[in-house]
Amino acid sequence: MIELVSAEGCITCDKCIEVCPTNVFDRAADGLPVVSRQSDCQTCFQCEANCPADALFVAPQTHPLPEGSPEHDEEHLRRTGLLGSYRREIGWGRGRTPGASRAIGPALSPTGPPLIS
């Protein structure tokens, strides 16, 4: 379930608002997305996957985390590498390796060097 939108990291691109299938977000007066309907979150990870700034955290639980959970603390999420971690896991993050290359390993071009290094 969506747990955090980083005001510091958000670039107000609206991708999270656009891709959310259940309309969880609203836009605040300052342009930042705000989680307005957390209970409608389907934990599909589309917002986190499509955030180019890695400014969102979706917890894998399908219910809100308890008050005081470390996953509500942006510094904790950054320190532990959880902020934006879904994008990295699926290969969409910075320094990404395309999924097909990860699945089959380094491929050799018929003419020489690896196609992807």
N, C-alpha and C. Protein backbone atom coordinates (compact mmCIF):
# COMPACT_ATOMS: atom_id res chain seq x y z
N MET A 1 0.84 -1.17 0.00
CA MET A 1 0.00 0.00 0.00
C MET A 1 0.89 1.24 0.00
N ILE A 2 0.47 2.28 -0.70
CA ILE A 2 1.24 3.52 -0.75
C ILE A 2 1.39 4.08 0.66
N GLU A 3 2.63 4.36 1.03
CA GLU A 3 2.90 4.85 2.38
C GLU A 3 3.55 6.23 2.40
N LEU A 4 4.30 6.58 1.34
CA LEU A 4 5.04 7.84 1.40
C LEU A 4 5.22 8.46 0.03
N VAL A 5 5.00 9.77 -0.02
CA VAL A 5 5.38 10.60 -1.17
C VAL A 5 6.40 11.59 -0.62
N SER A 6 7.60 11.57 -1.15
CA SER A 6 8.66 12.45 -0.68
C SER A 6 8.49 13.84 -1.27
N ALA A 7 8.17 14.81 -0.42
CA ALA A 7 8.05 16.19 -0.88
C ALA A 7 9.41 16.70 -1.35
N GLU A 8 10.46 16.22 -0.73
CA GLU A 8 11.83 16.63 -1.10
C GLU A 8 12.24 16.06 -2.46
N GLY A 9 11.85 14.82 -2.74
CA GLY A 9 12.28 14.16 -3.96
C GLY A 9 11.36 14.33 -5.15
N CYS A 10 10.10 14.65 -4.90
CA CYS A 10 9.10 14.74 -5.97
C CYS A 10 9.43 15.89 -6.93
N ILE A 11 9.28 15.60 -8.21
CA ILE A 11 9.54 16.62 -9.24
C ILE A 11 8.23 17.10 -9.88
N THR A 12 7.10 16.77 -9.28
CA THR A 12 5.76 17.16 -9.71
C THR A 12 5.50 16.85 -11.19
N CYS A 13 5.89 15.66 -11.61
CA CYS A 13 5.67 15.25 -13.00
C CYS A 13 4.27 14.68 -13.22
N ASP A 14 3.58 14.33 -12.14
CA ASP A 14 2.22 13.80 -12.16
C ASP A 14 2.09 12.37 -12.70
N LYS A 15 3.21 11.69 -12.91
CA LYS A 15 3.12 10.31 -13.42
C LYS A 15 2.35 9.42 -12.45
N CYS A 16 2.58 9.58 -11.14
CA CYS A 16 1.88 8.74 -10.15
C CYS A 16 0.37 8.96 -10.24
N ILE A 17 -0.03 10.21 -10.41
CA ILE A 17 -1.45 10.54 -10.51
C ILE A 17 -2.03 9.91 -11.77
N GLU A 18 -1.29 9.98 -12.87
CA GLU A 18 -1.77 9.47 -14.16
C GLU A 18 -1.89 7.95 -14.19
N VAL A 19 -0.96 7.23 -13.56
CA VAL A 19 -0.96 5.77 -13.69
C VAL A 19 -1.77 5.05 -12.62
N CYS A 20 -2.17 5.72 -11.58
CA CYS A 20 -2.89 5.06 -10.49
C CYS A 20 -4.27 4.60 -10.97
N PRO A 21 -4.51 3.28 -10.95
CA PRO A 21 -5.79 2.78 -11.46
C PRO A 21 -6.98 3.05 -10.53
N THR A 22 -6.72 3.44 -9.29
CA THR A 22 -7.81 3.66 -8.35
C THR A 22 -7.89 5.10 -7.84
N ASN A 23 -7.15 6.01 -8.48
CA ASN A 23 -7.26 7.44 -8.16
C ASN A 23 -6.98 7.74 -6.69
N VAL A 24 -5.86 7.22 -6.20
CA VAL A 24 -5.46 7.38 -4.80
C VAL A 24 -4.98 8.80 -4.51
N PHE A 25 -4.39 9.45 -5.50
CA PHE A 25 -3.73 10.75 -5.29
C PHE A 25 -4.61 11.92 -5.66
N ASP A 26 -4.38 13.02 -4.97
CA ASP A 26 -4.86 14.34 -5.37
C ASP A 26 -3.63 15.23 -5.50
N ARG A 27 -3.78 16.36 -6.13
CA ARG A 27 -2.69 17.31 -6.26
C ARG A 27 -2.91 18.42 -5.24
N ALA A 28 -1.91 18.68 -4.42
CA ALA A 28 -1.99 19.76 -3.43
C ALA A 28 -1.82 21.11 -4.13
N ALA A 29 -2.06 22.17 -3.41
CA ALA A 29 -1.93 23.52 -3.96
C ALA A 29 -0.52 23.80 -4.47
N ASP A 30 0.50 23.16 -3.85
CA ASP A 30 1.88 23.37 -4.28
C ASP A 30 2.27 22.46 -5.45
N GLY A 31 1.31 21.66 -5.94
CA GLY A 31 1.57 20.79 -7.09
C GLY A 31 2.01 19.38 -6.73
N LEU A 32 2.34 19.15 -5.46
CA LEU A 32 2.79 17.82 -5.05
C LEU A 32 1.60 16.86 -4.96
N PRO A 33 1.82 15.59 -5.33
CA PRO A 33 0.76 14.61 -5.15
C PRO A 33 0.59 14.29 -3.66
N VAL A 34 -0.64 14.10 -3.26
CA VAL A 34 -0.98 13.78 -1.87
C VAL A 34 -1.79 12.49 -1.89
N VAL A 35 -1.48 11.58 -0.97
CA VAL A 35 -2.26 10.36 -0.84
C VAL A 35 -3.55 10.73 -0.13
N SER A 36 -4.64 10.75 -0.88
CA SER A 36 -5.94 11.16 -0.33
C SER A 36 -6.85 9.99 -0.03
N ARG A 37 -6.66 8.89 -0.74
CA ARG A 37 -7.53 7.74 -0.56
C ARG A 37 -6.68 6.47 -0.44
N GLN A 38 -5.88 6.41 0.63
CA GLN A 38 -4.96 5.28 0.81
C GLN A 38 -5.70 3.95 0.82
N SER A 39 -6.88 3.91 1.38
CA SER A 39 -7.63 2.65 1.46
C SER A 39 -8.03 2.13 0.08
N ASP A 40 -7.98 2.98 -0.94
CA ASP A 40 -8.29 2.54 -2.31
C ASP A 40 -7.07 1.95 -3.03
N CYS A 41 -5.89 2.07 -2.42
CA CYS A 41 -4.66 1.57 -3.04
C CYS A 41 -4.74 0.05 -3.21
N GLN A 42 -4.43 -0.43 -4.41
CA GLN A 42 -4.45 -1.87 -4.70
C GLN A 42 -3.07 -2.50 -4.56
N THR A 43 -2.08 -1.72 -4.12
CA THR A 43 -0.70 -2.20 -3.97
C THR A 43 -0.20 -2.77 -5.29
N CYS A 44 -0.49 -2.06 -6.38
CA CYS A 44 -0.07 -2.50 -7.71
C CYS A 44 1.34 -2.02 -8.05
N PHE A 45 1.87 -1.08 -7.28
CA PHE A 45 3.21 -0.53 -7.44
C PHE A 45 3.38 0.32 -8.70
N GLN A 46 2.32 0.61 -9.43
CA GLN A 46 2.46 1.40 -10.66
C GLN A 46 2.99 2.80 -10.38
N CYS A 47 2.56 3.41 -9.29
CA CYS A 47 3.04 4.76 -8.98
C CYS A 47 4.54 4.74 -8.72
N GLU A 48 5.00 3.79 -7.89
CA GLU A 48 6.43 3.71 -7.58
C GLU A 48 7.24 3.33 -8.81
N ALA A 49 6.72 2.42 -9.61
CA ALA A 49 7.43 1.97 -10.81
C ALA A 49 7.61 3.09 -11.81
N ASN A 50 6.64 3.98 -11.90
CA ASN A 50 6.68 5.04 -12.91
C ASN A 50 7.23 6.36 -12.41
N CYS A 51 7.63 6.44 -11.15
CA CYS A 51 8.17 7.69 -10.61
C CYS A 51 9.63 7.85 -11.01
N PRO A 52 9.93 8.80 -11.90
CA PRO A 52 11.31 8.96 -12.37
C PRO A 52 12.26 9.51 -11.31
N ALA A 53 11.71 10.02 -10.22
CA ALA A 53 12.54 10.61 -9.17
C ALA A 53 12.69 9.67 -7.97
N ASP A 54 12.12 8.47 -8.03
CA ASP A 54 12.16 7.53 -6.90
C ASP A 54 11.68 8.21 -5.62
N ALA A 55 10.58 8.94 -5.71
CA ALA A 55 10.07 9.71 -4.59
C ALA A 55 8.87 9.07 -3.90
N LEU A 56 8.58 7.81 -4.24
CA LEU A 56 7.43 7.13 -3.65
C LEU A 56 7.87 5.83 -2.98
N PHE A 57 7.12 5.45 -1.96
CA PHE A 57 7.33 4.14 -1.36
C PHE A 57 5.99 3.44 -1.20
N VAL A 58 5.89 2.27 -1.81
CA VAL A 58 4.73 1.41 -1.66
C VAL A 58 5.19 0.20 -0.86
N ALA A 59 4.56 -0.02 0.27
CA ALA A 59 4.87 -1.20 1.09
C ALA A 59 4.15 -2.40 0.49
N PRO A 60 4.73 -3.59 0.60
CA PRO A 60 4.10 -4.75 -0.01
C PRO A 60 2.82 -5.21 0.69
N GLN A 61 2.53 -4.70 1.87
CA GLN A 61 1.31 -5.07 2.58
C GLN A 61 0.10 -4.44 1.90
N THR A 62 -1.02 -5.11 1.97
CA THR A 62 -2.25 -4.59 1.36
C THR A 62 -3.13 -3.85 2.36
N HIS A 63 -2.53 -3.46 3.47
CA HIS A 63 -3.22 -2.66 4.48
C HIS A 63 -2.24 -1.59 4.97
N PRO A 64 -2.75 -0.48 5.49
CA PRO A 64 -1.84 0.57 5.96
C PRO A 64 -0.92 0.06 7.07
N LEU A 65 0.31 0.52 7.06
CA LEU A 65 1.23 0.17 8.13
C LEU A 65 0.83 0.91 9.40
N PRO A 66 1.16 0.35 10.56
CA PRO A 66 0.76 1.01 11.81
C PRO A 66 1.46 2.35 12.00
N GLU A 67 0.80 3.21 12.73
CA GLU A 67 1.36 4.52 13.08
C GLU A 67 2.72 4.30 13.75
N GLY A 68 3.71 5.10 13.40
CA GLY A 68 5.04 4.98 13.99
C GLY A 68 5.93 3.96 13.29
N SER A 69 5.44 3.34 12.23
CA SER A 69 6.24 2.37 11.49
C SER A 69 7.45 3.08 10.86
N PRO A 70 8.63 2.45 10.84
CA PRO A 70 9.79 3.08 10.22
C PRO A 70 9.59 3.35 8.73
N GLU A 71 8.67 2.63 8.10
CA GLU A 71 8.40 2.86 6.68
C GLU A 71 7.64 4.14 6.40
N HIS A 72 7.31 4.90 7.45
CA HIS A 72 6.74 6.24 7.27
C HIS A 72 7.83 7.31 7.37
N ASP A 73 9.02 6.91 7.72
CA ASP A 73 10.15 7.82 7.92
C ASP A 73 11.00 7.87 6.66
N GLU A 74 10.97 9.00 5.97
CA GLU A 74 11.69 9.13 4.70
C GLU A 74 13.19 8.88 4.86
N GLU A 75 13.77 9.37 5.91
CA GLU A 75 15.21 9.16 6.13
C GLU A 75 15.52 7.66 6.27
N HIS A 76 14.70 6.95 7.01
CA HIS A 76 14.86 5.49 7.14
C HIS A 76 14.75 4.81 5.78
N LEU A 77 13.78 5.22 4.98
CA LEU A 77 13.60 4.62 3.66
C LEU A 77 14.80 4.88 2.75
N ARG A 78 15.36 6.07 2.83
CA ARG A 78 16.56 6.38 2.04
C ARG A 78 17.76 5.58 2.54
N ARG A 79 17.97 5.57 3.83
CA ARG A 79 19.11 4.89 4.43
C ARG A 79 19.10 3.39 4.13
N THR A 80 17.94 2.79 4.14
CA THR A 80 17.83 1.35 3.92
C THR A 80 17.68 0.99 2.44
N GLY A 81 17.59 2.00 1.58
CA GLY A 81 17.46 1.74 0.15
C GLY A 81 16.06 1.35 -0.29
N LEU A 82 15.08 1.54 0.58
CA LEU A 82 13.71 1.17 0.23
C LEU A 82 13.01 2.19 -0.67
N LEU A 83 13.37 3.46 -0.54
CA LEU A 83 12.73 4.49 -1.36
C LEU A 83 13.13 4.28 -2.82
N GLY A 84 12.16 3.98 -3.66
CA GLY A 84 12.43 3.71 -5.07
C GLY A 84 12.94 2.31 -5.35
N SER A 85 12.91 1.43 -4.36
CA SER A 85 13.49 0.09 -4.54
C SER A 85 12.73 -0.76 -5.54
N TYR A 86 11.44 -0.56 -5.69
CA TYR A 86 10.69 -1.37 -6.65
C TYR A 86 11.18 -1.12 -8.07
N ARG A 87 11.44 0.13 -8.42
CA ARG A 87 11.97 0.45 -9.76
C ARG A 87 13.30 -0.25 -10.00
N ARG A 88 14.15 -0.25 -9.01
CA ARG A 88 15.44 -0.92 -9.18
C ARG A 88 15.25 -2.42 -9.37
N GLU A 89 14.36 -3.01 -8.60
CA GLU A 89 14.12 -4.45 -8.69
C GLU A 89 13.60 -4.88 -10.05
N ILE A 90 12.76 -4.05 -10.66
CA ILE A 90 12.22 -4.42 -11.96
C ILE A 90 13.07 -3.90 -13.12
N GLY A 91 14.18 -3.25 -12.78
CA GLY A 91 15.10 -2.79 -13.82
C GLY A 91 14.74 -1.46 -14.45
N TRP A 92 13.88 -0.68 -13.81
CA TRP A 92 13.49 0.61 -14.36
C TRP A 92 14.25 1.77 -13.74
N GLY A 93 15.07 1.50 -12.73
CA GLY A 93 15.77 2.57 -12.03
C GLY A 93 16.99 3.06 -12.77
N ARG A 94 17.70 3.99 -12.15
CA ARG A 94 18.92 4.53 -12.73
C ARG A 94 19.94 3.41 -12.91
N GLY A 95 20.70 3.45 -14.01
CA GLY A 95 21.71 2.44 -14.27
C GLY A 95 21.09 1.09 -14.58
N ARG A 96 19.90 1.12 -15.14
CA ARG A 96 19.15 -0.11 -15.34
C ARG A 96 19.75 -1.04 -16.39
N THR A 97 19.44 -2.30 -16.25
CA THR A 97 19.76 -3.32 -17.24
C THR A 97 18.42 -3.82 -17.75
N PRO A 98 18.18 -3.80 -19.04
CA PRO A 98 16.89 -4.26 -19.55
C PRO A 98 16.57 -5.67 -19.05
N GLY A 99 15.30 -5.90 -18.76
CA GLY A 99 14.86 -7.16 -18.19
C GLY A 99 15.28 -8.39 -18.98
N ALA A 100 15.21 -8.35 -20.31
CA ALA A 100 15.58 -9.50 -21.12
C ALA A 100 17.06 -9.83 -20.92
N SER A 101 17.89 -8.82 -20.80
CA SER A 101 19.32 -9.06 -20.59
C SER A 101 19.58 -9.67 -19.23
N ARG A 102 18.80 -9.25 -18.23
CA ARG A 102 18.96 -9.83 -16.90
C ARG A 102 18.53 -11.29 -16.92
N ALA A 103 17.51 -11.61 -17.71
CA ALA A 103 16.97 -12.97 -17.72
C ALA A 103 17.91 -13.96 -18.40
N ILE A 104 18.59 -13.53 -19.49
CA ILE A 104 19.43 -14.47 -20.23
C ILE A 104 20.91 -14.26 -19.99
N GLY A 105 21.26 -13.20 -19.29
CA GLY A 105 22.68 -12.92 -19.05
C GLY A 105 23.28 -12.17 -20.22
N PRO A 106 24.59 -11.91 -20.17
CA PRO A 106 25.23 -11.15 -21.24
C PRO A 106 25.12 -11.90 -22.57
N ALA A 107 24.68 -11.19 -23.58
CA ALA A 107 24.54 -11.78 -24.91
C ALA A 107 25.69 -11.31 -25.79
N LEU A 108 26.13 -12.14 -26.66
CA LEU A 108 27.19 -11.78 -27.59
C LEU A 108 26.61 -11.41 -28.94
N SER A 109 27.09 -10.35 -29.50
CA SER A 109 26.71 -9.96 -30.83
C SER A 109 27.43 -10.88 -31.82
N PRO A 110 26.82 -11.19 -32.97
CA PRO A 110 27.49 -12.03 -33.95
C PRO A 110 28.80 -11.41 -34.45
N THR A 111 28.95 -10.11 -34.28
CA THR A 111 30.14 -9.45 -34.77
C THR A 111 31.16 -9.15 -33.68
N GLY A 112 30.91 -9.54 -32.47
CA GLY A 112 31.94 -9.30 -31.46
C GLY A 112 31.47 -9.05 -30.06
N PRO A 113 31.62 -7.80 -29.59
CA PRO A 113 31.45 -7.51 -28.16
C PRO A 113 30.00 -7.73 -27.70
N PRO A 114 29.80 -7.81 -26.39
CA PRO A 114 28.46 -7.99 -25.86
C PRO A 114 27.54 -6.86 -26.31
N LEU A 115 26.28 -7.20 -26.54
CA LEU A 115 25.29 -6.20 -26.94
C LEU A 115 25.03 -5.22 -25.81
N ILE A 116 25.01 -5.72 -24.60
CA ILE A 116 24.76 -4.89 -23.42
C ILE A 116 25.81 -5.23 -22.38
N SER A 117 26.43 -4.21 -21.88
CA SER A 117 27.44 -4.49 -20.85
C SER A 117 26.95 -4.11 -19.49
